[in-house]
Every structure is written in structure tokens, then in C-alpha cells.
N, C-alpha and C. Protein backbone atom coordinates (compact mmCIF):
# COMPACT_ATOMS: atom_id res chain seq x y z
N MET A 1 17.76 -20.23 -7.44
CA MET A 1 16.99 -19.01 -7.11
C MET A 1 17.79 -18.23 -5.87
N THR A 2 18.11 -17.06 -6.20
CA THR A 2 18.86 -16.22 -5.20
C THR A 2 17.92 -15.55 -4.20
N ALA A 3 18.53 -15.19 -3.11
CA ALA A 3 17.76 -14.45 -2.22
C ALA A 3 17.93 -12.88 -2.41
N THR A 4 16.88 -12.09 -2.44
CA THR A 4 16.93 -10.72 -2.64
C THR A 4 16.38 -9.97 -1.53
N ARG A 5 17.10 -8.94 -1.03
CA ARG A 5 16.54 -8.24 0.05
C ARG A 5 15.57 -7.12 -0.35
N PHE A 6 14.40 -6.99 0.40
CA PHE A 6 13.50 -5.89 0.24
C PHE A 6 13.22 -5.28 1.59
N PHE A 7 13.15 -3.96 1.58
CA PHE A 7 12.58 -3.27 2.84
C PHE A 7 11.17 -3.08 2.52
N VAL A 8 10.26 -3.66 3.38
CA VAL A 8 8.80 -3.53 3.27
C VAL A 8 8.16 -2.72 4.44
N TYR A 9 7.17 -2.00 4.15
CA TYR A 9 6.43 -1.14 5.08
C TYR A 9 5.01 -1.23 4.80
N GLY A 10 4.06 -0.92 5.67
CA GLY A 10 2.74 -0.77 5.49
C GLY A 10 2.11 -2.13 5.30
N SER A 11 1.30 -2.23 4.34
CA SER A 11 0.49 -3.38 4.09
C SER A 11 1.22 -4.70 3.70
N LEU A 12 2.48 -4.56 3.45
CA LEU A 12 3.27 -5.79 3.04
C LEU A 12 4.06 -6.31 4.27
N THR A 13 3.93 -5.66 5.43
CA THR A 13 4.74 -6.09 6.59
C THR A 13 3.90 -7.37 7.29
N GLU A 14 4.73 -8.11 8.01
CA GLU A 14 4.07 -9.23 8.83
C GLU A 14 2.84 -8.82 9.59
N GLY A 15 1.84 -9.53 9.52
CA GLY A 15 0.56 -9.28 10.27
C GLY A 15 -0.40 -8.27 9.51
N MET A 16 0.01 -7.70 8.43
CA MET A 16 -0.83 -6.77 7.63
C MET A 16 -1.44 -7.58 6.45
N VAL A 17 -2.45 -6.83 5.81
CA VAL A 17 -3.22 -7.48 4.69
C VAL A 17 -2.53 -8.08 3.56
N HIS A 18 -1.43 -7.53 3.09
CA HIS A 18 -0.69 -8.05 1.96
C HIS A 18 0.52 -8.87 2.09
N TYR A 19 0.78 -9.16 3.45
CA TYR A 19 1.92 -9.94 3.78
C TYR A 19 1.91 -11.34 3.16
N SER A 20 0.66 -11.80 2.95
CA SER A 20 0.42 -13.21 2.40
C SER A 20 1.03 -13.21 0.93
N LYS A 21 1.15 -12.16 0.28
CA LYS A 21 1.69 -12.14 -1.11
C LYS A 21 3.17 -12.54 -1.14
N ILE A 22 3.90 -12.29 0.00
CA ILE A 22 5.32 -12.61 -0.04
C ILE A 22 5.62 -13.73 1.06
N GLN A 23 4.79 -14.10 1.85
CA GLN A 23 5.01 -14.97 3.08
C GLN A 23 5.68 -16.21 2.60
N ASN A 24 5.33 -16.90 1.62
CA ASN A 24 5.91 -18.17 1.24
C ASN A 24 7.32 -18.02 0.65
N PHE A 25 7.77 -16.81 0.46
CA PHE A 25 9.17 -16.67 -0.18
C PHE A 25 10.13 -16.09 0.90
N VAL A 26 9.59 -15.77 2.10
CA VAL A 26 10.49 -15.06 3.18
C VAL A 26 11.43 -16.13 3.69
N GLU A 27 12.66 -15.73 3.63
CA GLU A 27 13.73 -16.66 4.33
C GLU A 27 14.15 -16.06 5.60
N SER A 28 14.07 -14.73 5.70
CA SER A 28 14.56 -14.09 7.15
C SER A 28 13.77 -12.83 6.95
N LEU A 29 13.48 -12.37 8.36
CA LEU A 29 12.78 -11.08 8.48
C LEU A 29 13.39 -10.31 9.74
N SER A 30 13.71 -9.14 9.56
CA SER A 30 14.25 -8.32 10.78
C SER A 30 13.55 -6.90 10.73
N PHE A 31 13.46 -6.45 12.02
CA PHE A 31 12.94 -5.13 12.22
C PHE A 31 14.08 -4.16 11.66
N ALA A 32 13.61 -3.12 10.88
CA ALA A 32 14.60 -2.28 10.25
C ALA A 32 13.98 -0.80 9.99
N ARG A 33 14.83 0.04 9.65
CA ARG A 33 14.41 1.40 9.31
C ARG A 33 15.19 1.88 8.01
N ILE A 34 14.55 2.75 7.26
CA ILE A 34 15.25 3.54 6.16
C ILE A 34 14.94 5.04 6.36
N LYS A 35 15.79 5.81 5.79
CA LYS A 35 15.65 7.33 5.73
C LYS A 35 14.62 7.66 4.66
N ALA A 36 13.43 8.21 5.00
CA ALA A 36 12.49 8.61 3.97
C ALA A 36 11.51 9.70 4.63
N LYS A 37 10.57 10.02 3.90
CA LYS A 37 9.45 10.84 4.35
C LYS A 37 8.22 10.03 4.18
N ALA A 38 7.54 9.87 5.33
CA ALA A 38 6.27 9.07 5.32
C ALA A 38 5.04 9.89 5.18
N TYR A 39 4.07 9.43 4.38
CA TYR A 39 2.80 10.18 4.24
C TYR A 39 1.69 9.13 4.59
N ARG A 40 0.59 9.56 5.23
CA ARG A 40 -0.48 8.79 5.35
C ARG A 40 -1.48 9.05 4.29
N LEU A 41 -1.82 7.97 3.54
CA LEU A 41 -2.85 8.11 2.49
C LEU A 41 -4.21 8.19 3.08
N LYS A 42 -5.22 8.63 2.40
CA LYS A 42 -6.63 8.64 2.99
C LYS A 42 -7.03 7.33 3.45
N VAL A 43 -6.70 6.24 2.69
CA VAL A 43 -7.07 4.92 3.16
C VAL A 43 -6.43 4.45 4.48
N GLY A 44 -5.43 5.25 4.89
CA GLY A 44 -4.86 4.98 6.24
C GLY A 44 -3.40 4.41 6.14
N TYR A 45 -3.07 3.62 5.01
CA TYR A 45 -1.75 3.21 4.82
C TYR A 45 -0.80 4.13 4.42
N PRO A 46 0.55 3.88 4.84
CA PRO A 46 1.62 4.87 4.44
C PRO A 46 2.11 4.65 2.95
N ALA A 47 2.67 5.76 2.59
CA ALA A 47 3.47 5.78 1.32
C ALA A 47 4.78 6.51 1.71
N LEU A 48 5.87 6.06 1.17
CA LEU A 48 7.22 6.65 1.42
C LEU A 48 7.63 7.46 0.21
N VAL A 49 8.20 8.68 0.51
CA VAL A 49 8.79 9.51 -0.57
C VAL A 49 10.27 9.51 -0.29
N LYS A 50 11.08 9.45 -1.31
CA LYS A 50 12.50 9.49 -1.16
C LYS A 50 12.95 10.84 -0.69
N GLY A 51 14.04 10.91 0.09
CA GLY A 51 14.72 12.08 0.44
C GLY A 51 14.44 12.69 1.86
N GLY A 52 13.56 12.08 2.58
CA GLY A 52 13.30 12.59 3.92
C GLY A 52 14.43 12.16 4.85
N ALA A 53 14.40 12.82 6.13
CA ALA A 53 15.49 12.51 7.13
C ALA A 53 14.92 11.59 8.18
N ASP A 54 13.60 11.31 8.20
CA ASP A 54 13.05 10.43 9.30
C ASP A 54 13.56 8.99 9.08
N LEU A 55 13.71 8.36 10.20
CA LEU A 55 14.04 6.92 10.17
C LEU A 55 12.78 6.08 10.25
N VAL A 56 12.24 5.68 9.12
CA VAL A 56 10.93 5.12 8.99
C VAL A 56 10.98 3.56 9.27
N PRO A 57 10.11 3.10 10.07
CA PRO A 57 10.18 1.59 10.53
C PRO A 57 9.56 0.78 9.43
N GLY A 58 9.98 -0.49 9.42
CA GLY A 58 9.50 -1.43 8.50
C GLY A 58 10.20 -2.81 8.79
N GLN A 59 10.25 -3.65 7.80
CA GLN A 59 10.97 -4.93 7.86
C GLN A 59 11.87 -5.19 6.76
N LEU A 60 13.00 -5.65 7.04
CA LEU A 60 13.92 -6.11 6.05
C LEU A 60 13.60 -7.67 5.79
N VAL A 61 13.27 -7.98 4.54
CA VAL A 61 12.90 -9.30 4.36
C VAL A 61 13.85 -9.87 3.26
N GLU A 62 14.40 -11.21 3.57
CA GLU A 62 15.22 -11.77 2.53
C GLU A 62 14.26 -12.71 1.79
N LEU A 63 14.03 -12.50 0.47
CA LEU A 63 13.04 -13.37 -0.26
C LEU A 63 13.83 -14.27 -1.25
N ARG A 64 13.31 -15.49 -1.36
CA ARG A 64 13.73 -16.36 -2.48
C ARG A 64 12.99 -15.82 -3.67
N ALA A 65 13.78 -14.91 -4.25
CA ALA A 65 12.96 -13.94 -5.26
C ALA A 65 13.29 -14.47 -6.68
N SER A 66 12.32 -14.85 -7.47
CA SER A 66 12.35 -15.23 -8.86
C SER A 66 12.05 -13.87 -9.58
N ASP A 67 12.30 -13.87 -10.86
CA ASP A 67 11.86 -12.66 -11.70
C ASP A 67 10.35 -12.50 -11.70
N LEU A 68 9.66 -13.64 -11.54
CA LEU A 68 8.19 -13.59 -11.46
C LEU A 68 7.72 -12.78 -10.30
N LEU A 69 8.26 -13.15 -9.10
CA LEU A 69 7.86 -12.52 -7.82
C LEU A 69 8.26 -11.01 -7.87
N ILE A 70 9.42 -10.69 -8.41
CA ILE A 70 9.78 -9.27 -8.48
C ILE A 70 8.83 -8.60 -9.42
N ASN A 71 8.54 -9.21 -10.54
CA ASN A 71 7.50 -8.56 -11.51
C ASN A 71 6.15 -8.34 -10.78
N LEU A 72 5.68 -9.37 -10.04
CA LEU A 72 4.45 -9.22 -9.34
C LEU A 72 4.46 -8.11 -8.26
N LEU A 73 5.59 -7.91 -7.65
CA LEU A 73 5.70 -6.79 -6.57
C LEU A 73 5.79 -5.46 -7.42
N ASP A 74 6.45 -5.41 -8.59
CA ASP A 74 6.44 -4.20 -9.39
C ASP A 74 5.04 -3.84 -9.82
N GLU A 75 4.31 -4.84 -10.28
CA GLU A 75 2.90 -4.69 -10.67
C GLU A 75 2.02 -4.11 -9.50
N PHE A 76 2.29 -4.87 -8.36
CA PHE A 76 1.46 -4.37 -7.15
C PHE A 76 1.65 -2.85 -6.85
N TYR A 77 2.83 -2.39 -6.98
CA TYR A 77 3.27 -0.94 -6.68
C TYR A 77 3.10 -0.03 -7.94
N GLY A 78 2.60 -0.68 -9.01
CA GLY A 78 2.48 0.21 -10.20
C GLY A 78 3.78 0.73 -10.84
N TYR A 79 4.79 -0.06 -10.72
CA TYR A 79 6.16 0.28 -11.17
C TYR A 79 6.41 -0.34 -12.58
N ASN A 80 6.77 0.56 -13.54
CA ASN A 80 7.12 0.05 -14.83
C ASN A 80 8.53 0.44 -15.11
N LYS A 81 9.49 -0.59 -15.14
CA LYS A 81 10.82 -0.21 -15.26
C LYS A 81 11.14 0.35 -16.69
N MET A 82 10.20 0.25 -17.66
CA MET A 82 10.32 0.84 -18.89
C MET A 82 10.06 2.43 -18.96
N ASP A 83 9.27 2.67 -18.02
CA ASP A 83 8.78 4.14 -17.96
C ASP A 83 8.62 4.59 -16.48
N PRO A 84 9.79 4.51 -15.75
CA PRO A 84 9.76 4.84 -14.34
C PRO A 84 9.18 6.20 -13.94
N ASP A 85 9.44 7.25 -14.85
CA ASP A 85 8.87 8.52 -14.49
C ASP A 85 7.36 8.60 -14.38
N LYS A 86 6.71 7.82 -15.17
CA LYS A 86 5.25 7.86 -15.18
C LYS A 86 4.73 6.78 -14.23
N SER A 87 5.58 5.90 -13.56
CA SER A 87 5.08 5.02 -12.71
C SER A 87 4.50 5.54 -11.35
N LEU A 88 3.63 4.80 -10.75
CA LEU A 88 3.13 5.15 -9.39
C LEU A 88 4.19 5.15 -8.44
N TYR A 89 4.96 4.13 -8.39
CA TYR A 89 6.08 3.97 -7.41
C TYR A 89 7.38 3.79 -8.18
N SER A 90 8.48 3.97 -7.57
CA SER A 90 9.74 3.56 -8.19
C SER A 90 10.36 2.50 -7.22
N ARG A 91 11.17 1.59 -7.75
CA ARG A 91 11.85 0.59 -6.96
C ARG A 91 13.25 1.02 -6.96
N GLU A 92 13.88 1.19 -5.78
CA GLU A 92 15.25 1.71 -5.59
C GLU A 92 15.94 0.96 -4.52
N GLU A 93 17.28 0.90 -4.75
CA GLU A 93 18.08 0.31 -3.68
C GLU A 93 18.50 1.26 -2.76
N VAL A 94 18.38 1.00 -1.41
CA VAL A 94 18.55 1.90 -0.37
C VAL A 94 19.39 1.36 0.80
N ASP A 95 19.92 2.27 1.63
CA ASP A 95 20.58 1.76 2.78
C ASP A 95 19.53 1.40 3.87
N VAL A 96 19.64 0.23 4.55
CA VAL A 96 18.62 -0.08 5.43
C VAL A 96 19.43 -0.39 6.78
N TYR A 97 18.76 0.15 7.92
CA TYR A 97 19.35 0.01 9.16
C TYR A 97 18.65 -1.08 10.01
N ILE A 98 19.34 -2.19 10.31
CA ILE A 98 18.73 -3.24 11.02
C ILE A 98 18.84 -2.89 12.44
N GLU A 99 17.84 -3.20 13.27
CA GLU A 99 17.81 -2.94 14.69
C GLU A 99 18.99 -3.78 15.35
N GLY A 100 19.90 -3.20 16.03
CA GLY A 100 20.87 -3.88 16.75
C GLY A 100 22.21 -4.09 15.88
N SER A 101 22.17 -3.60 14.59
CA SER A 101 23.32 -3.92 13.71
C SER A 101 24.13 -2.65 13.64
N SER A 102 25.46 -2.84 13.27
CA SER A 102 26.41 -1.77 13.28
C SER A 102 26.19 -0.82 12.12
N GLY A 103 26.20 -1.38 10.85
CA GLY A 103 26.06 -0.53 9.65
C GLY A 103 24.92 -0.90 8.83
N PRO A 104 24.68 -0.12 7.76
CA PRO A 104 23.49 -0.36 6.91
C PRO A 104 23.81 -1.38 5.90
N VAL A 105 22.69 -2.15 5.44
CA VAL A 105 22.81 -3.09 4.41
C VAL A 105 21.93 -2.54 3.22
N LYS A 106 22.28 -3.04 1.99
CA LYS A 106 21.44 -2.58 0.82
C LYS A 106 20.28 -3.41 0.62
N ALA A 107 19.17 -2.86 0.29
CA ALA A 107 17.90 -3.55 -0.09
C ALA A 107 17.14 -2.74 -1.01
N TRP A 108 16.21 -3.38 -1.65
CA TRP A 108 15.26 -2.77 -2.58
C TRP A 108 14.03 -2.23 -1.75
N THR A 109 13.53 -1.12 -2.22
CA THR A 109 12.19 -0.64 -1.63
C THR A 109 11.43 0.09 -2.68
N TYR A 110 10.16 0.39 -2.35
CA TYR A 110 9.46 1.22 -3.34
C TYR A 110 9.04 2.53 -2.70
N PHE A 111 9.36 3.61 -3.44
CA PHE A 111 9.06 4.89 -3.17
C PHE A 111 7.91 5.45 -4.06
N LEU A 112 6.86 6.19 -3.40
CA LEU A 112 5.85 6.84 -4.15
C LEU A 112 6.48 7.90 -5.10
N ASN A 113 6.08 7.93 -6.29
CA ASN A 113 6.44 9.11 -7.16
C ASN A 113 5.93 10.42 -6.66
N PRO A 114 6.70 11.39 -6.26
CA PRO A 114 6.14 12.64 -5.65
C PRO A 114 5.06 13.34 -6.52
N LEU A 115 5.16 13.11 -7.86
CA LEU A 115 4.14 13.63 -8.71
C LEU A 115 2.81 13.09 -8.60
N LYS A 116 2.82 11.88 -8.01
CA LYS A 116 1.51 11.13 -7.83
C LYS A 116 1.00 11.14 -6.40
N LEU A 117 1.64 12.03 -5.54
CA LEU A 117 1.22 12.13 -4.16
C LEU A 117 -0.13 12.73 -4.07
N PRO A 118 -1.13 12.17 -3.61
CA PRO A 118 -2.37 12.75 -3.45
C PRO A 118 -2.43 14.05 -2.59
N VAL A 119 -3.26 14.98 -2.99
CA VAL A 119 -3.22 16.33 -2.24
C VAL A 119 -3.75 16.08 -0.74
N ASN A 120 -4.54 14.99 -0.58
CA ASN A 120 -5.10 14.80 0.79
C ASN A 120 -4.13 13.89 1.70
N ALA A 121 -2.95 13.52 1.21
CA ALA A 121 -2.02 12.75 1.90
C ALA A 121 -1.38 13.73 3.04
N ALA A 122 -1.26 13.10 4.24
CA ALA A 122 -0.72 13.89 5.32
C ALA A 122 0.62 13.43 5.74
N VAL A 123 1.48 14.23 6.05
CA VAL A 123 2.87 13.91 6.51
C VAL A 123 2.72 13.22 7.82
N ILE A 124 3.44 12.07 8.03
CA ILE A 124 3.49 11.38 9.29
C ILE A 124 4.69 11.86 9.99
N GLU A 125 4.55 12.75 11.04
CA GLU A 125 5.71 13.31 11.77
C GLU A 125 6.53 12.24 12.39
N GLY A 126 7.84 12.28 12.07
CA GLY A 126 8.77 11.27 12.63
C GLY A 126 8.72 9.97 11.82
N GLY A 127 7.76 9.86 10.85
CA GLY A 127 7.75 8.64 9.98
C GLY A 127 7.15 7.45 10.63
N ASP A 128 6.69 7.41 11.84
CA ASP A 128 6.20 6.24 12.53
C ASP A 128 4.69 6.01 12.08
N TRP A 129 4.64 5.19 10.95
CA TRP A 129 3.27 4.97 10.35
C TRP A 129 2.51 3.85 11.18
N LYS A 130 3.24 3.19 12.00
CA LYS A 130 2.54 2.15 12.88
C LYS A 130 1.72 2.90 13.90
N LYS A 131 2.38 3.92 14.57
CA LYS A 131 1.71 4.72 15.54
C LYS A 131 0.49 5.44 14.90
N SER A 132 0.70 5.92 13.72
CA SER A 132 -0.39 6.58 12.99
C SER A 132 -1.55 5.75 12.82
N ILE A 133 -1.34 4.49 12.51
CA ILE A 133 -2.41 3.44 12.37
C ILE A 133 -3.14 3.15 13.60
N GLU A 134 -2.26 3.12 14.74
CA GLU A 134 -2.87 2.89 16.12
C GLU A 134 -3.68 4.04 16.51
N ASP A 135 -3.23 5.24 16.24
CA ASP A 135 -4.00 6.51 16.67
C ASP A 135 -5.24 6.70 15.85
N GLN A 136 -5.18 6.43 14.55
CA GLN A 136 -6.34 6.58 13.67
C GLN A 136 -6.38 5.36 12.76
N PRO A 137 -7.40 4.45 13.04
CA PRO A 137 -7.45 3.15 12.39
C PRO A 137 -7.62 3.35 10.87
N LEU A 138 -7.18 2.37 10.08
CA LEU A 138 -7.33 2.23 8.65
C LEU A 138 -8.79 2.42 8.30
N MET A 139 -9.06 3.00 7.08
CA MET A 139 -10.43 3.13 6.63
C MET A 139 -11.09 1.71 6.42
N THR A 140 -10.24 0.71 6.11
CA THR A 140 -10.81 -0.58 5.79
C THR A 140 -11.40 -1.21 7.08
N THR A 141 -10.83 -0.80 8.25
CA THR A 141 -11.30 -1.42 9.45
C THR A 141 -12.58 -0.71 10.00
N LYS A 142 -12.84 0.47 9.44
CA LYS A 142 -14.01 1.25 9.86
C LYS A 142 -15.25 0.87 9.10
N LEU A 143 -15.10 0.17 8.03
CA LEU A 143 -16.27 -0.21 7.10
C LEU A 143 -17.12 -1.30 7.81
N THR A 144 -18.48 -1.23 7.55
CA THR A 144 -19.31 -2.26 8.11
C THR A 144 -19.23 -3.44 7.07
N GLU A 145 -19.64 -4.50 7.53
CA GLU A 145 -19.55 -5.82 6.61
C GLU A 145 -20.30 -5.60 5.34
N LYS A 146 -21.43 -4.92 5.41
CA LYS A 146 -22.18 -4.67 4.31
C LYS A 146 -21.43 -3.65 3.22
N GLN A 147 -20.84 -2.58 3.75
CA GLN A 147 -20.10 -1.74 2.90
C GLN A 147 -18.88 -2.43 2.29
N SER A 148 -18.12 -3.18 3.09
CA SER A 148 -16.98 -3.90 2.58
C SER A 148 -17.38 -4.96 1.55
N THR A 149 -18.43 -5.65 1.69
CA THR A 149 -18.90 -6.65 0.72
C THR A 149 -19.27 -6.03 -0.55
N TYR A 150 -19.93 -4.79 -0.42
CA TYR A 150 -20.35 -4.18 -1.67
C TYR A 150 -19.15 -3.69 -2.46
N ILE A 151 -18.10 -3.08 -1.74
CA ILE A 151 -17.02 -2.55 -2.34
C ILE A 151 -16.24 -3.71 -3.02
N GLN A 152 -16.23 -4.88 -2.42
CA GLN A 152 -15.58 -6.06 -3.06
C GLN A 152 -16.33 -6.53 -4.35
N ARG A 153 -17.67 -6.56 -4.20
CA ARG A 153 -18.43 -6.93 -5.47
C ARG A 153 -18.25 -5.91 -6.55
N LEU A 154 -18.25 -4.67 -6.24
CA LEU A 154 -18.10 -3.65 -7.31
C LEU A 154 -16.68 -3.70 -7.83
N GLY A 155 -15.70 -3.90 -6.99
CA GLY A 155 -14.33 -4.02 -7.39
C GLY A 155 -14.04 -5.18 -8.32
N ARG A 156 -14.73 -6.29 -8.05
CA ARG A 156 -14.54 -7.47 -8.94
C ARG A 156 -15.40 -7.54 -10.19
N SER A 157 -16.38 -6.57 -10.34
CA SER A 157 -17.27 -6.54 -11.46
C SER A 157 -16.58 -6.08 -12.77
N THR A 158 -17.05 -6.50 -13.84
CA THR A 158 -16.30 -6.18 -15.17
C THR A 158 -16.50 -4.73 -15.59
N GLY A 159 -17.53 -4.00 -14.91
CA GLY A 159 -17.75 -2.70 -15.29
C GLY A 159 -18.84 -2.48 -16.19
N ARG A 160 -19.35 -3.57 -16.80
CA ARG A 160 -20.50 -3.59 -17.61
C ARG A 160 -21.76 -3.99 -16.80
N GLU A 161 -21.58 -4.78 -15.84
CA GLU A 161 -22.67 -5.33 -15.08
C GLU A 161 -23.19 -4.35 -14.02
N ILE A 162 -24.42 -4.34 -13.64
CA ILE A 162 -24.94 -3.50 -12.70
C ILE A 162 -24.95 -4.18 -11.36
N VAL A 163 -24.25 -3.74 -10.36
CA VAL A 163 -24.34 -4.31 -9.05
C VAL A 163 -25.36 -3.53 -8.20
N PRO A 164 -26.49 -4.19 -7.90
CA PRO A 164 -27.62 -3.58 -7.13
C PRO A 164 -27.18 -2.98 -5.80
N ILE A 165 -27.79 -1.99 -5.39
CA ILE A 165 -27.57 -1.36 -4.11
C ILE A 165 -28.79 -0.76 -3.57
N ASP A 166 -28.84 -0.78 -2.24
CA ASP A 166 -30.07 -0.03 -1.57
C ASP A 166 -29.60 1.45 -1.25
N LEU A 167 -30.62 2.18 -1.09
CA LEU A 167 -30.42 3.69 -0.91
C LEU A 167 -29.58 4.04 0.24
N THR A 168 -29.76 3.38 1.48
CA THR A 168 -28.96 3.72 2.63
C THR A 168 -27.47 3.34 2.34
N LEU A 169 -27.20 2.23 1.79
CA LEU A 169 -25.83 1.84 1.50
C LEU A 169 -25.26 2.87 0.43
N TYR A 170 -26.04 3.22 -0.52
CA TYR A 170 -25.61 4.21 -1.52
C TYR A 170 -25.17 5.48 -0.96
N ARG A 171 -26.01 5.92 0.01
CA ARG A 171 -25.66 7.26 0.65
C ARG A 171 -24.38 7.17 1.57
N GLU A 172 -24.30 6.03 2.27
CA GLU A 172 -23.12 5.85 3.04
C GLU A 172 -21.82 5.86 2.20
N LEU A 173 -21.78 5.09 1.21
CA LEU A 173 -20.58 4.98 0.31
C LEU A 173 -20.38 6.35 -0.37
N MET A 174 -21.34 6.92 -0.81
CA MET A 174 -21.19 8.34 -1.40
C MET A 174 -20.63 9.29 -0.41
N ASN A 175 -21.16 9.36 0.81
CA ASN A 175 -20.55 10.13 1.82
C ASN A 175 -19.14 9.84 2.18
N LEU A 176 -18.79 8.60 2.11
CA LEU A 176 -17.33 8.11 2.36
C LEU A 176 -16.41 8.34 1.12
N GLU A 177 -17.03 8.86 0.02
CA GLU A 177 -16.34 9.09 -1.25
C GLU A 177 -15.72 7.87 -1.86
N LEU A 178 -16.46 6.69 -1.68
CA LEU A 178 -15.86 5.44 -2.16
C LEU A 178 -16.47 4.98 -3.51
N ILE A 179 -17.63 5.62 -3.86
CA ILE A 179 -18.25 5.32 -5.20
C ILE A 179 -18.57 6.59 -5.93
N VAL A 180 -18.67 6.39 -7.31
CA VAL A 180 -19.10 7.46 -8.12
C VAL A 180 -20.31 7.02 -8.90
N ASP A 181 -21.23 7.86 -9.12
CA ASP A 181 -22.40 7.46 -9.87
C ASP A 181 -22.24 7.90 -11.30
N LYS A 182 -22.19 6.82 -12.16
CA LYS A 182 -21.94 7.12 -13.66
C LYS A 182 -23.35 7.09 -14.39
N GLY A 183 -24.40 7.52 -13.74
CA GLY A 183 -25.73 7.49 -14.38
C GLY A 183 -26.32 6.25 -14.24
N ARG A 184 -26.06 5.28 -15.24
CA ARG A 184 -26.81 4.03 -15.30
C ARG A 184 -26.07 3.02 -14.43
N ARG A 185 -24.82 3.17 -13.93
CA ARG A 185 -24.17 2.22 -13.07
C ARG A 185 -23.27 2.88 -12.16
N LEU A 186 -22.92 2.28 -11.13
CA LEU A 186 -22.00 2.75 -10.00
C LEU A 186 -20.55 2.25 -10.22
N ALA A 187 -19.54 2.99 -9.95
CA ALA A 187 -18.19 2.53 -10.05
C ALA A 187 -17.47 2.93 -8.74
N LEU A 188 -16.27 2.34 -8.49
CA LEU A 188 -15.51 2.84 -7.43
C LEU A 188 -14.75 4.10 -7.73
N SER A 189 -14.73 5.04 -6.71
CA SER A 189 -13.83 6.18 -6.91
C SER A 189 -12.31 5.75 -6.75
N LYS A 190 -11.51 6.74 -6.95
CA LYS A 190 -10.02 6.39 -6.69
C LYS A 190 -9.83 5.88 -5.38
N LEU A 191 -10.37 6.63 -4.37
CA LEU A 191 -10.32 6.18 -2.97
C LEU A 191 -10.89 4.75 -2.87
N GLY A 192 -12.09 4.51 -3.42
CA GLY A 192 -12.76 3.20 -3.41
C GLY A 192 -11.87 2.13 -3.98
N GLN A 193 -11.20 2.42 -5.06
CA GLN A 193 -10.22 1.47 -5.67
C GLN A 193 -9.17 1.14 -4.70
N GLU A 194 -8.57 2.13 -4.04
CA GLU A 194 -7.52 1.93 -3.02
C GLU A 194 -8.09 1.04 -1.90
N VAL A 195 -9.29 1.36 -1.47
CA VAL A 195 -9.94 0.61 -0.31
C VAL A 195 -9.98 -0.84 -0.72
N PHE A 196 -10.50 -1.08 -1.97
CA PHE A 196 -10.70 -2.49 -2.49
C PHE A 196 -9.44 -3.12 -2.57
N ARG A 197 -8.38 -2.41 -2.96
CA ARG A 197 -6.98 -3.09 -3.04
C ARG A 197 -6.50 -3.55 -1.67
N HIS A 198 -6.99 -2.89 -0.60
CA HIS A 198 -6.53 -3.16 0.77
C HIS A 198 -7.52 -4.11 1.53
N LEU A 199 -8.58 -4.49 0.88
CA LEU A 199 -9.46 -5.37 1.64
C LEU A 199 -9.11 -6.91 1.53
N GLY A 200 -7.89 -7.13 0.89
CA GLY A 200 -7.37 -8.38 0.95
C GLY A 200 -7.90 -9.45 -0.05
């Protein structure tokens, strides 16, 4: 098994909700930056778009990467190498600048497809998504335990079953735009699905 370099940011970085997905495969980890444009998604996590001039912070991880792990990361980011133009993200090799190192190294990273950028995504000036999260906490951290539990139950349901809800919780989640009422049953909105994905 060979080591493969990835530049990770947001929820996949050490200490964040999805780091556990790669943790057992990490051989080395360094603070690093890449040139890109960072956006804050409504859920609070960043998405990077190719072509920006900001030096966006993240981590360079060297992974004991098997095809299975890379396929799982591709799936996590909604990247389909057979149809990259329609994918949510693209996986591309980029120059990564390691803190204290002289020149860049090559690594893979995931860029959001600009055509899939939500209209409510806000540019993170300077690309510092960590500061953006400190200044304005993630949506997942603002939810009550009851709200979080309900979103997880609804997210795990098959779609046919009815997950009971009380009126107060219904109003709260509708106001947060996390659920949609489909008449006889409730479902997660697009934002709700994104929140569910980041609840760990």
C-alpha cells in the first residue's frame, strides 16, 4: 500500500467531525495552505473553489491510501470520475505550501463544482475558514439536543416511515429550514441533509 498525499480542510481536518474517517490511515500531518477561493456554506463548513488567489489553510495528510479509501473519499465528496462535470466536487492535484517549507509539494484535494455552489454561500475573505467558524459557529453546534436527535432520526429513516414530531419542534426545524413537509410525512431539506451529514 502506497502513501498518498491529500490536502484536507473543514470537516476532515484533525479535531473536526469527519477526521475519524481518515484518522487510522494518517501517516503524517502538517499545517499547510493552497491557493483557492473559500466559501462558507449555510451549514457553516467551508467549500473551496479552484482558481482563487487566497492561501487557504488546511492540513497536508499522508495517507496509507488504498483504492477503497480513495473511493470512499470520492463518494463522501460526491465525486464521480466517470462524470466529473456533473459531480458535486472534483478531485484534483494541486500545489500545497507546507508551513516552514521552501517550495510546494503536490497533493490531491477536492474543489466544489462552481455550478453547484449554493446561492447562499458567502465568500470567506482571505480564505481563513477557521476564523469564520470561530466568529460564527457551525449550525450543527447551535442545535438543541432534541433538534439534533430528530434530524438524525429523520436522516436515518428509509423515507417510508413516519418519524413522529411535536408541534414546537416542527416549528423550530421549519424556521431553521431543516425540514420540508411532504403532506403525510416530513423529510430533510437540502440544508437538513447537509446538517445531518455533519452531525457525525
